[in-house]
Amino acid sequence: MSDLLSKAIRAAAKGSGWSVKRDILSRRIGDYFLAVHPRRGSKGRIEFRAKPAAWDHMLWSILQIEGNETEPVSFRFTGAFLCDSPALLQHDLEHTASHEEIARDMVQLSERISHMPEVWQGYDLARAIASEKPQEPYRYHMTRVVERICRGDRQMAREICDAALSGKLDLRSTFWSSDKLSPTDANGRRQSLSFFHLAQLWISRH
């Protein structure tokens, strides 16, 4: 991301109701956080992503992290310890597109999807993951657990955690944290546990 692109996006988005952080347009509408940005590592493609506010809140509850709820909208897509969400719309540009042209298309996409709630309200996560190009399902295992818990399907959430902990899933990265309810060792420390272990603990306690 270049400073020139960020500057172009800020100029194009002025008065749109969308905030700009780096090269990301973001906005909250109701209980959803929305973002439009260039795809990481893929020149000439912009994407639209969305997620319910409840997903990150559940993730933080599982990881026992406090204080992130008051962060600005952009944090939901640029911060640490967040639920990754698949692209719901992808738009390809000419590889020779200027910063101004990229910014213009990003703003046009943001304006369009603001009036298309059917695209981002209550979407099928599994279908969205399967439809995204390129296919990177390993990015969303933690999000799948959170989404299942939020929908009340704790059995499926447990099954995903079991598969992750038994090595049946392609886990290229996962979050780790300590369980504040577990006893400390002789040095006053707690063992670091993976998200999937902590999610099982959360389910058993709530």
Protein backbone atom coordinates (compact mmCIF):
# COMPACT_ATOMS: atom_id res chain seq x y z
CA MET A 1 0.00 0.00 0.00
CA SER A 2 1.38 3.38 -1.01
CA ASP A 3 0.78 6.75 0.56
CA LEU A 4 -0.40 7.95 -2.84
CA LEU A 5 -3.16 5.32 -2.96
CA SER A 6 -4.26 6.14 0.58
CA LYS A 7 -4.39 9.83 -0.33
CA ALA A 8 -6.43 9.08 -3.45
CA ILE A 9 -8.91 6.97 -1.47
CA ARG A 10 -9.34 9.71 1.12
CA ALA A 11 -10.07 12.25 -1.58
CA ALA A 12 -12.54 9.98 -3.40
CA ALA A 13 -14.33 8.92 -0.20
CA LYS A 14 -14.83 12.43 1.19
CA GLY A 15 -18.46 12.86 2.21
CA SER A 16 -19.33 9.22 1.47
CA GLY A 17 -19.90 8.19 5.09
CA TRP A 18 -17.09 5.65 4.87
CA SER A 19 -13.92 6.04 6.93
CA VAL A 20 -10.43 5.50 5.50
CA LYS A 21 -7.57 3.72 7.24
CA ARG A 22 -4.53 2.96 5.10
CA ASP A 23 -6.11 1.59 1.90
CA ILE A 24 -9.32 0.32 3.53
CA LEU A 25 -12.78 1.86 3.36
CA SER A 26 -14.84 0.77 6.35
CA ARG A 27 -18.25 1.47 7.81
CA ARG A 28 -20.69 0.12 10.36
CA ILE A 29 -24.29 -0.37 9.29
CA GLY A 30 -26.52 -1.75 12.02
CA ASP A 31 -24.86 -4.79 13.55
CA TYR A 32 -22.45 -5.33 10.64
CA PHE A 33 -18.96 -4.07 9.86
CA LEU A 34 -18.22 -3.54 6.17
CA ALA A 35 -14.95 -3.00 4.32
CA VAL A 36 -13.75 -2.43 0.76
CA HIS A 37 -10.04 -2.73 0.00
CA PRO A 38 -7.50 -4.02 -2.54
CA ARG A 39 -6.88 -7.74 -2.19
CA ARG A 40 -3.65 -8.44 -0.37
CA GLY A 41 -1.01 -9.87 -2.67
CA SER A 42 -3.17 -9.58 -5.80
CA LYS A 43 -2.69 -6.54 -7.99
CA GLY A 44 -5.76 -5.16 -9.72
CA ARG A 45 -8.50 -6.66 -7.52
CA ILE A 46 -10.68 -4.95 -4.95
CA GLU A 47 -12.91 -6.80 -2.51
CA PHE A 48 -15.90 -6.27 -0.27
CA ARG A 49 -16.00 -8.02 3.11
CA ALA A 50 -18.52 -7.93 5.93
CA LYS A 51 -19.05 -9.54 9.31
CA PRO A 52 -21.50 -9.25 12.19
CA ALA A 53 -20.19 -7.31 15.18
CA ALA A 54 -20.99 -10.36 17.31
CA TRP A 55 -18.22 -12.43 15.69
CA ASP A 56 -15.31 -10.40 17.00
CA HIS A 57 -17.02 -9.99 20.37
CA MET A 58 -17.33 -13.76 20.66
CA LEU A 59 -13.72 -14.26 19.59
CA TRP A 60 -12.53 -11.84 22.27
CA SER A 61 -14.69 -13.56 24.87
CA ILE A 62 -13.14 -16.92 23.97
CA LEU A 63 -9.61 -15.50 24.06
CA GLN A 64 -10.47 -13.52 27.22
CA ILE A 65 -9.36 -10.22 25.69
CA GLU A 66 -10.93 -7.00 26.98
CA GLY A 67 -11.13 -3.44 25.69
CA ASN A 68 -11.33 -3.89 21.92
CA GLU A 69 -15.06 -3.17 21.73
CA THR A 70 -14.47 0.59 21.81
CA GLU A 71 -11.96 0.62 18.93
CA PRO A 72 -12.97 2.45 15.70
CA VAL A 73 -14.63 0.59 12.83
CA SER A 74 -11.38 0.26 10.89
CA PHE A 75 -9.90 -1.81 13.74
CA ARG A 76 -12.25 -4.65 12.79
CA PHE A 77 -10.21 -5.10 9.61
CA THR A 78 -6.76 -3.78 10.53
CA GLY A 79 -6.30 -4.76 14.18
CA ALA A 80 -5.01 -7.91 15.85
CA PHE A 81 -7.08 -10.86 17.10
CA LEU A 82 -9.99 -10.56 14.68
CA CYS A 83 -12.31 -12.93 12.83
CA ASP A 84 -11.22 -13.15 9.23
CA SER A 85 -14.10 -12.95 6.76
CA PRO A 86 -14.25 -14.05 3.11
CA ALA A 87 -14.75 -11.64 0.23
CA LEU A 88 -18.43 -11.44 -0.67
CA LEU A 89 -17.77 -9.44 -3.85
CA GLN A 90 -14.59 -9.17 -5.92
CA HIS A 91 -13.97 -6.68 -8.69
CA ASP A 92 -11.02 -6.83 -11.07
CA LEU A 93 -9.33 -3.72 -12.47
CA GLU A 94 -6.83 -3.18 -15.22
CA HIS A 95 -3.31 -3.81 -13.92
CA THR A 96 -2.41 -0.36 -15.25
CA ALA A 97 -5.16 1.39 -13.24
CA SER A 98 -3.97 4.56 -11.55
CA HIS A 99 -4.37 5.26 -7.83
CA GLU A 100 -7.24 7.58 -8.66
CA GLU A 101 -8.99 4.91 -10.73
CA ILE A 102 -8.59 2.32 -7.98
CA ALA A 103 -9.94 4.78 -5.41
CA ARG A 104 -12.88 5.68 -7.65
CA ASP A 105 -13.85 2.04 -8.16
CA MET A 106 -13.54 1.33 -4.44
CA VAL A 107 -15.90 4.17 -3.59
CA GLN A 108 -18.33 3.10 -6.32
CA LEU A 109 -18.34 -0.44 -4.92
CA SER A 110 -18.88 0.85 -1.38
CA GLU A 111 -21.82 2.97 -2.50
CA ARG A 112 -23.35 0.04 -4.37
CA ILE A 113 -23.15 -2.47 -1.55
CA SER A 114 -24.54 0.04 0.98
CA HIS A 115 -27.87 -0.47 -0.83
CA MET A 116 -27.52 -4.26 -1.15
CA PRO A 117 -27.99 -5.58 2.40
CA GLU A 118 -29.03 -8.96 1.01
CA VAL A 119 -25.36 -9.50 0.08
CA TRP A 120 -24.00 -9.12 3.59
CA GLN A 121 -26.81 -9.67 6.09
CA GLY A 122 -26.93 -13.24 7.33
CA TYR A 123 -24.89 -14.68 4.49
CA ASP A 124 -23.95 -18.36 4.43
CA LEU A 125 -20.35 -18.43 5.67
CA ALA A 126 -19.50 -21.87 4.28
CA ARG A 127 -20.82 -20.92 0.84
CA ALA A 128 -18.92 -17.61 0.89
CA ILE A 129 -15.68 -19.39 1.79
CA ALA A 130 -16.20 -21.91 -1.02
CA SER A 131 -16.96 -19.13 -3.54
CA GLU A 132 -13.96 -16.93 -2.78
CA LYS A 133 -11.12 -16.86 -5.28
CA PRO A 134 -8.47 -17.99 -4.64
CA GLN A 135 -9.64 -20.70 -2.28
CA GLU A 136 -8.04 -20.30 1.16
CA PRO A 137 -10.32 -22.16 3.61
CA TYR A 138 -7.53 -22.43 6.19
CA ARG A 139 -8.00 -18.72 6.93
CA TYR A 140 -11.48 -19.23 8.33
CA HIS A 141 -11.46 -22.19 10.74
CA MET A 142 -11.59 -19.92 13.80
CA THR A 143 -14.32 -17.81 12.19
CA ARG A 144 -16.34 -20.96 11.50
CA VAL A 145 -16.23 -21.88 15.19
CA VAL A 146 -17.28 -18.39 16.24
CA GLU A 147 -20.07 -18.26 13.65
CA ARG A 148 -21.47 -21.63 14.78
CA ILE A 149 -21.47 -20.54 18.44
CA CYS A 150 -23.22 -17.28 17.54
CA ARG A 151 -25.87 -19.25 15.65
CA GLY A 152 -26.41 -21.57 18.61
CA ASP A 153 -24.89 -24.63 16.91
CA ARG A 154 -22.43 -25.57 19.65
CA GLN A 155 -22.21 -29.18 18.54
CA MET A 156 -20.76 -28.19 15.16
CA ALA A 157 -18.45 -25.70 16.87
CA ARG A 158 -17.14 -28.53 19.07
CA GLU A 159 -16.64 -30.76 16.03
CA ILE A 160 -14.57 -28.11 14.25
CA CYS A 161 -12.45 -27.66 17.39
CA ASP A 162 -11.98 -31.41 17.72
CA ALA A 163 -10.88 -31.66 14.09
CA ALA A 164 -8.42 -28.79 14.56
CA LEU A 165 -6.92 -30.21 17.76
CA SER A 166 -6.59 -33.71 16.28
CA GLY A 167 -4.68 -32.42 13.25
CA LYS A 168 -7.45 -33.02 10.71
CA LEU A 169 -7.61 -29.39 9.54
CA ASP A 170 -5.09 -27.36 7.59
CA LEU A 171 -4.08 -24.91 10.33
CA ARG A 172 -1.49 -22.45 9.06
CA SER A 173 -2.01 -20.06 11.95
CA THR A 174 -4.13 -19.82 15.07
CA PHE A 175 -4.46 -17.49 18.04
CA TRP A 176 -3.08 -18.40 21.45
CA SER A 177 -3.97 -17.03 24.86
CA SER A 178 -4.12 -18.10 28.47
CA ASP A 179 -7.17 -19.18 30.42
CA LYS A 180 -7.62 -16.72 33.25
CA LEU A 181 -9.78 -19.20 35.17
CA SER A 182 -7.08 -21.86 35.35
CA PRO A 183 -4.62 -21.97 38.29
CA THR A 184 -1.15 -20.54 37.86
CA ASP A 185 2.04 -22.56 38.12
CA ALA A 186 4.74 -22.12 40.75
CA ASN A 187 6.02 -19.03 38.91
CA GLY A 188 2.58 -17.40 38.75
CA ARG A 189 2.15 -18.15 35.06
CA ARG A 190 -0.59 -19.83 33.04
CA GLN A 191 -0.17 -22.15 30.11
CA SER A 192 -0.80 -20.68 26.66
CA LEU A 193 -3.67 -22.47 24.89
CA SER A 194 -4.81 -22.43 21.27
CA PHE A 195 -8.04 -20.77 20.24
CA PHE A 196 -9.65 -24.17 19.64
CA HIS A 197 -8.85 -25.37 23.16
CA LEU A 198 -10.11 -22.11 24.63
CA ALA A 199 -13.28 -22.34 22.52
CA GLN A 200 -14.01 -25.76 23.98
CA LEU A 201 -13.53 -24.34 27.47
CA TRP A 202 -15.86 -21.42 26.65
CA ILE A 203 -18.58 -23.79 25.40
CA SER A 204 -18.31 -25.95 28.53
CA ARG A 205 -18.69 -22.90 30.79
CA HIS A 206 -21.56 -21.09 29.11
